[in-house]
Amino acid sequence: MVRNPMYLSRYFIILGIFLLVGVPGVWAAIPYTVIYGFYMVNRVEREEKKLIDLFGKDYEDYYNSVPRFIPSFKGFDLQAVLFWNWETFHENHGAMNMIGLLVVYAIFYLFTFMI
């Protein structure tokens, strides 16, 4: 669907944190979007040059068929996306990542709505 899901996901996670903060966060989200956009585009361009050198034609074919940031459903295979594998979840420290994210959201919730 996209070549760079990690950068795109990180953008939306941080944007969500800004929006949880409320009005100040909404105003902070505007410069964040501009700055992160520049960072993301420049970083990915450098990485893709290295990947083309490293993987050659295979990566070029992938590069030409999958969009960089805007998802495309052309050739989308739902069965390839809908799967779950506990071993992969464990190897990628999924539980710790999920717990960490929930702790961050809980802290922001407490500071935003309780204090």
N, C-alpha and C. Protein backbone atom coordinates (compact mmCIF):
# COMPACT_ATOMS: atom_id res chain seq x y z
N MET A 1 0.82 -1.19 0.00
CA MET A 1 0.00 0.00 0.00
C MET A 1 0.86 1.26 0.00
N VAL A 2 1.94 1.29 0.81
CA VAL A 2 2.92 2.38 0.80
C VAL A 2 4.30 1.79 1.03
N ARG A 3 5.32 2.49 0.54
CA ARG A 3 6.70 2.01 0.71
C ARG A 3 7.25 2.33 2.09
N ASN A 4 6.71 3.31 2.76
CA ASN A 4 7.29 3.77 4.02
C ASN A 4 6.27 3.82 5.15
N PRO A 5 5.73 2.68 5.54
CA PRO A 5 4.69 2.70 6.57
C PRO A 5 5.18 3.16 7.93
N MET A 6 6.46 2.94 8.27
CA MET A 6 6.95 3.35 9.59
C MET A 6 6.95 4.87 9.74
N TYR A 7 7.45 5.58 8.73
CA TYR A 7 7.48 7.04 8.81
C TYR A 7 6.06 7.60 8.86
N LEU A 8 5.19 7.04 8.05
CA LEU A 8 3.81 7.50 8.00
C LEU A 8 3.10 7.23 9.33
N SER A 9 3.32 6.05 9.89
CA SER A 9 2.71 5.69 11.18
C SER A 9 3.22 6.57 12.30
N ARG A 10 4.53 6.81 12.31
CA ARG A 10 5.11 7.67 13.35
C ARG A 10 4.50 9.07 13.27
N TYR A 11 4.32 9.57 12.05
CA TYR A 11 3.70 10.89 11.88
C TYR A 11 2.32 10.91 12.54
N PHE A 12 1.49 9.90 12.25
CA PHE A 12 0.13 9.89 12.79
C PHE A 12 0.09 9.64 14.29
N ILE A 13 1.01 8.86 14.82
CA ILE A 13 1.05 8.64 16.27
C ILE A 13 1.37 9.95 16.99
N ILE A 14 2.40 10.66 16.52
CA ILE A 14 2.78 11.92 17.16
C ILE A 14 1.69 12.97 16.95
N LEU A 15 1.09 13.00 15.77
CA LEU A 15 -0.02 13.92 15.52
C LEU A 15 -1.17 13.64 16.49
N GLY A 16 -1.46 12.37 16.73
CA GLY A 16 -2.51 12.00 17.68
C GLY A 16 -2.20 12.49 19.08
N ILE A 17 -0.93 12.42 19.47
CA ILE A 17 -0.54 12.92 20.80
C ILE A 17 -0.77 14.43 20.88
N PHE A 18 -0.37 15.14 19.82
CA PHE A 18 -0.63 16.59 19.79
C PHE A 18 -2.12 16.88 19.93
N LEU A 19 -2.94 16.13 19.23
CA LEU A 19 -4.38 16.38 19.27
C LEU A 19 -4.99 16.00 20.61
N LEU A 20 -4.41 15.03 21.30
CA LEU A 20 -4.89 14.68 22.64
C LEU A 20 -4.67 15.82 23.63
N VAL A 21 -3.64 16.60 23.40
CA VAL A 21 -3.32 17.69 24.32
C VAL A 21 -4.39 18.78 24.28
N GLY A 22 -5.07 18.91 23.17
CA GLY A 22 -6.13 19.91 23.06
C GLY A 22 -5.71 21.08 22.20
N VAL A 23 -6.23 22.25 22.51
CA VAL A 23 -6.02 23.45 21.68
C VAL A 23 -4.54 23.77 21.46
N PRO A 24 -3.68 23.77 22.50
CA PRO A 24 -2.27 24.06 22.21
C PRO A 24 -1.67 23.04 21.25
N GLY A 25 -2.11 21.81 21.39
CA GLY A 25 -1.59 20.75 20.52
C GLY A 25 -2.01 20.92 19.08
N VAL A 26 -3.22 21.43 18.86
CA VAL A 26 -3.69 21.67 17.50
C VAL A 26 -2.79 22.69 16.81
N TRP A 27 -2.43 23.74 17.54
CA TRP A 27 -1.55 24.76 16.96
C TRP A 27 -0.14 24.22 16.78
N ALA A 28 0.30 23.34 17.63
CA ALA A 28 1.62 22.72 17.48
C ALA A 28 1.64 21.73 16.33
N ALA A 29 0.48 21.17 16.00
CA ALA A 29 0.40 20.17 14.94
C ALA A 29 0.72 20.76 13.57
N ILE A 30 0.45 22.03 13.38
CA ILE A 30 0.70 22.65 12.07
C ILE A 30 2.20 22.73 11.77
N PRO A 31 3.02 23.34 12.64
CA PRO A 31 4.46 23.33 12.33
C PRO A 31 5.05 21.92 12.37
N TYR A 32 4.52 21.07 13.25
CA TYR A 32 4.99 19.68 13.28
C TYR A 32 4.78 19.01 11.93
N THR A 33 3.63 19.21 11.32
CA THR A 33 3.34 18.59 10.03
C THR A 33 4.32 19.08 8.97
N VAL A 34 4.60 20.37 8.95
CA VAL A 34 5.53 20.92 7.97
C VAL A 34 6.94 20.38 8.19
N ILE A 35 7.41 20.44 9.43
CA ILE A 35 8.78 20.00 9.75
C ILE A 35 8.93 18.50 9.50
N TYR A 36 7.97 17.71 9.98
CA TYR A 36 8.07 16.26 9.79
C TYR A 36 7.95 15.91 8.31
N GLY A 37 7.15 16.66 7.56
CA GLY A 37 7.05 16.42 6.12
C GLY A 37 8.39 16.59 5.43
N PHE A 38 9.09 17.69 5.74
CA PHE A 38 10.43 17.90 5.17
C PHE A 38 11.39 16.79 5.59
N TYR A 39 11.37 16.45 6.87
CA TYR A 39 12.23 15.39 7.38
C TYR A 39 11.95 14.07 6.65
N MET A 40 10.68 13.71 6.58
CA MET A 40 10.29 12.43 6.00
C MET A 40 10.69 12.34 4.53
N VAL A 41 10.41 13.36 3.75
CA VAL A 41 10.72 13.33 2.32
C VAL A 41 12.23 13.24 2.11
N ASN A 42 13.01 14.08 2.81
CA ASN A 42 14.46 14.07 2.63
C ASN A 42 15.09 12.77 3.10
N ARG A 43 14.64 12.27 4.22
CA ARG A 43 15.20 11.02 4.76
C ARG A 43 14.91 9.85 3.83
N VAL A 44 13.68 9.77 3.35
CA VAL A 44 13.28 8.66 2.50
C VAL A 44 14.00 8.72 1.15
N GLU A 45 14.17 9.91 0.61
CA GLU A 45 14.91 10.02 -0.66
C GLU A 45 16.33 9.49 -0.52
N ARG A 46 17.01 9.84 0.58
CA ARG A 46 18.36 9.32 0.81
C ARG A 46 18.35 7.79 0.96
N GLU A 47 17.39 7.27 1.71
CA GLU A 47 17.31 5.83 1.92
C GLU A 47 17.03 5.09 0.61
N GLU A 48 16.13 5.65 -0.20
CA GLU A 48 15.76 4.97 -1.44
C GLU A 48 16.92 4.93 -2.43
N LYS A 49 17.75 5.95 -2.45
CA LYS A 49 18.94 5.91 -3.30
C LYS A 49 19.86 4.76 -2.89
N LYS A 50 20.04 4.60 -1.58
CA LYS A 50 20.87 3.51 -1.09
C LYS A 50 20.25 2.15 -1.41
N LEU A 51 18.93 2.05 -1.27
CA LEU A 51 18.25 0.78 -1.53
C LEU A 51 18.32 0.39 -3.01
N ILE A 52 18.23 1.38 -3.90
CA ILE A 52 18.35 1.09 -5.33
C ILE A 52 19.76 0.59 -5.62
N ASP A 53 20.78 1.22 -5.01
CA ASP A 53 22.16 0.75 -5.20
C ASP A 53 22.34 -0.66 -4.64
N LEU A 54 21.71 -0.92 -3.51
CA LEU A 54 21.88 -2.20 -2.84
C LEU A 54 21.12 -3.34 -3.52
N PHE A 55 19.85 -3.10 -3.90
CA PHE A 55 19.00 -4.17 -4.43
C PHE A 55 18.78 -4.10 -5.94
N GLY A 56 19.17 -3.01 -6.57
CA GLY A 56 19.09 -2.91 -8.02
C GLY A 56 17.69 -2.93 -8.59
N LYS A 57 17.51 -3.71 -9.65
CA LYS A 57 16.26 -3.74 -10.42
C LYS A 57 15.07 -4.18 -9.57
N ASP A 58 15.27 -5.12 -8.65
CA ASP A 58 14.16 -5.57 -7.80
C ASP A 58 13.56 -4.41 -7.02
N TYR A 59 14.43 -3.57 -6.43
CA TYR A 59 13.90 -2.43 -5.68
C TYR A 59 13.32 -1.38 -6.61
N GLU A 60 13.93 -1.19 -7.77
CA GLU A 60 13.37 -0.23 -8.74
C GLU A 60 11.95 -0.62 -9.15
N ASP A 61 11.73 -1.92 -9.37
CA ASP A 61 10.39 -2.39 -9.71
C ASP A 61 9.41 -2.10 -8.57
N TYR A 62 9.84 -2.39 -7.35
CA TYR A 62 9.04 -2.11 -6.15
C TYR A 62 8.78 -0.60 -6.05
N TYR A 63 9.83 0.19 -6.24
CA TYR A 63 9.76 1.65 -6.19
C TYR A 63 8.73 2.19 -7.17
N ASN A 64 8.71 1.64 -8.35
CA ASN A 64 7.80 2.11 -9.40
C ASN A 64 6.37 1.60 -9.25
N SER A 65 6.17 0.56 -8.45
CA SER A 65 4.82 -0.01 -8.34
C SER A 65 4.10 0.34 -7.03
N VAL A 66 4.83 0.82 -6.02
CA VAL A 66 4.22 1.11 -4.71
C VAL A 66 4.48 2.59 -4.38
N PRO A 67 3.42 3.35 -4.06
CA PRO A 67 3.60 4.77 -3.76
C PRO A 67 4.39 4.99 -2.47
N ARG A 68 5.04 6.14 -2.39
CA ARG A 68 5.91 6.45 -1.25
C ARG A 68 5.13 6.65 0.04
N PHE A 69 4.15 7.56 0.07
CA PHE A 69 3.45 7.89 1.30
C PHE A 69 1.93 7.79 1.21
N ILE A 70 1.35 8.09 0.07
CA ILE A 70 -0.10 8.08 -0.09
C ILE A 70 -0.53 6.65 -0.45
N PRO A 71 -1.33 5.99 0.40
CA PRO A 71 -1.71 4.60 0.13
C PRO A 71 -2.45 4.43 -1.20
N SER A 72 -2.19 3.31 -1.83
CA SER A 72 -2.88 2.95 -3.07
C SER A 72 -3.44 1.55 -2.90
N PHE A 73 -4.63 1.36 -3.40
CA PHE A 73 -5.26 0.04 -3.31
C PHE A 73 -5.17 -0.72 -4.63
N LYS A 74 -4.38 -0.20 -5.57
CA LYS A 74 -4.16 -0.88 -6.85
C LYS A 74 -3.39 -2.17 -6.57
N GLY A 75 -3.94 -3.27 -6.97
CA GLY A 75 -3.29 -4.55 -6.73
C GLY A 75 -3.34 -4.99 -5.28
N PHE A 76 -4.22 -4.39 -4.49
CA PHE A 76 -4.31 -4.68 -3.07
C PHE A 76 -4.86 -6.08 -2.84
N ASP A 77 -4.17 -6.87 -2.04
CA ASP A 77 -4.59 -8.23 -1.71
C ASP A 77 -4.95 -8.27 -0.22
N LEU A 78 -6.24 -8.29 0.08
CA LEU A 78 -6.71 -8.26 1.45
C LEU A 78 -6.18 -9.46 2.26
N GLN A 79 -6.10 -10.61 1.65
CA GLN A 79 -5.63 -11.81 2.35
C GLN A 79 -4.17 -11.68 2.79
N ALA A 80 -3.38 -10.94 2.00
CA ALA A 80 -1.97 -10.75 2.35
C ALA A 80 -1.82 -9.82 3.55
N VAL A 81 -2.81 -8.98 3.82
CA VAL A 81 -2.74 -8.02 4.92
C VAL A 81 -3.35 -8.58 6.19
N LEU A 82 -4.44 -9.34 6.06
CA LEU A 82 -5.14 -9.84 7.24
C LEU A 82 -4.53 -11.16 7.72
N PHE A 83 -3.56 -11.04 8.58
CA PHE A 83 -2.96 -12.23 9.17
C PHE A 83 -2.48 -11.86 10.57
N TRP A 84 -2.27 -12.86 11.37
CA TRP A 84 -1.73 -12.65 12.71
C TRP A 84 -0.76 -13.77 13.00
N ASN A 85 0.39 -13.41 13.53
CA ASN A 85 1.40 -14.39 13.85
C ASN A 85 2.02 -14.01 15.19
N TRP A 86 1.74 -14.82 16.21
CA TRP A 86 2.24 -14.52 17.55
C TRP A 86 3.76 -14.50 17.61
N GLU A 87 4.39 -15.36 16.84
CA GLU A 87 5.86 -15.42 16.84
C GLU A 87 6.45 -14.10 16.33
N THR A 88 5.89 -13.58 15.25
CA THR A 88 6.36 -12.30 14.71
C THR A 88 6.08 -11.17 15.70
N PHE A 89 4.91 -11.19 16.31
CA PHE A 89 4.54 -10.19 17.32
C PHE A 89 5.56 -10.21 18.45
N HIS A 90 5.94 -11.39 18.91
CA HIS A 90 6.91 -11.53 20.00
C HIS A 90 8.30 -11.09 19.54
N GLU A 91 8.75 -11.50 18.37
CA GLU A 91 10.08 -11.16 17.86
C GLU A 91 10.24 -9.64 17.70
N ASN A 92 9.18 -8.95 17.36
CA ASN A 92 9.23 -7.51 17.15
C ASN A 92 8.87 -6.72 18.39
N HIS A 93 8.86 -7.39 19.55
CA HIS A 93 8.58 -6.74 20.83
C HIS A 93 7.24 -6.01 20.82
N GLY A 94 6.26 -6.62 20.18
CA GLY A 94 4.94 -6.01 20.03
C GLY A 94 4.28 -5.69 21.36
N ALA A 95 4.39 -6.60 22.33
CA ALA A 95 3.75 -6.38 23.62
C ALA A 95 4.36 -5.17 24.33
N MET A 96 5.69 -5.07 24.32
CA MET A 96 6.36 -3.94 24.98
C MET A 96 6.03 -2.63 24.28
N ASN A 97 5.98 -2.65 22.95
CA ASN A 97 5.62 -1.44 22.20
C ASN A 97 4.20 -1.01 22.52
N MET A 98 3.29 -1.98 22.59
CA MET A 98 1.90 -1.66 22.88
C MET A 98 1.76 -1.12 24.31
N ILE A 99 2.44 -1.74 25.25
CA ILE A 99 2.39 -1.27 26.64
C ILE A 99 2.97 0.14 26.74
N GLY A 100 4.09 0.38 26.09
CA GLY A 100 4.71 1.71 26.11
C GLY A 100 3.78 2.77 25.55
N LEU A 101 3.13 2.47 24.43
CA LEU A 101 2.21 3.42 23.82
C LEU A 101 1.00 3.68 24.73
N LEU A 102 0.48 2.63 25.36
CA LEU A 102 -0.64 2.82 26.28
C LEU A 102 -0.25 3.65 27.49
N VAL A 103 0.98 3.48 27.98
CA VAL A 103 1.46 4.28 29.11
C VAL A 103 1.55 5.75 28.70
N VAL A 104 2.09 6.02 27.52
CA VAL A 104 2.18 7.41 27.04
C VAL A 104 0.79 8.01 26.91
N TYR A 105 -0.14 7.27 26.32
CA TYR A 105 -1.51 7.79 26.20
C TYR A 105 -2.13 8.02 27.57
N ALA A 106 -1.88 7.13 28.52
CA ALA A 106 -2.44 7.30 29.87
C ALA A 106 -1.87 8.55 30.54
N ILE A 107 -0.58 8.77 30.37
CA ILE A 107 0.04 9.97 30.97
C ILE A 107 -0.56 11.22 30.36
N PHE A 108 -0.69 11.25 29.05
CA PHE A 108 -1.29 12.43 28.41
C PHE A 108 -2.74 12.61 28.84
N TYR A 109 -3.45 11.51 28.99
CA TYR A 109 -4.85 11.60 29.45
C TYR A 109 -4.91 12.19 30.85
N LEU A 110 -4.04 11.69 31.73
CA LEU A 110 -4.05 12.20 33.10
C LEU A 110 -3.71 13.69 33.15
N PHE A 111 -2.70 14.10 32.41
CA PHE A 111 -2.31 15.52 32.44
C PHE A 111 -3.34 16.40 31.75
N THR A 112 -4.04 15.87 30.76
CA THR A 112 -4.99 16.67 30.01
C THR A 112 -6.33 16.79 30.73
N PHE A 113 -6.83 15.69 31.26
CA PHE A 113 -8.20 15.70 31.78
C PHE A 113 -8.29 15.65 33.30
N MET A 114 -7.27 15.24 33.98
CA MET A 114 -7.35 15.06 35.42
C MET A 114 -6.70 16.20 36.21
N ILE A 115 -5.75 16.86 35.60
CA ILE A 115 -5.01 17.89 36.34
C ILE A 115 -5.49 19.26 35.95
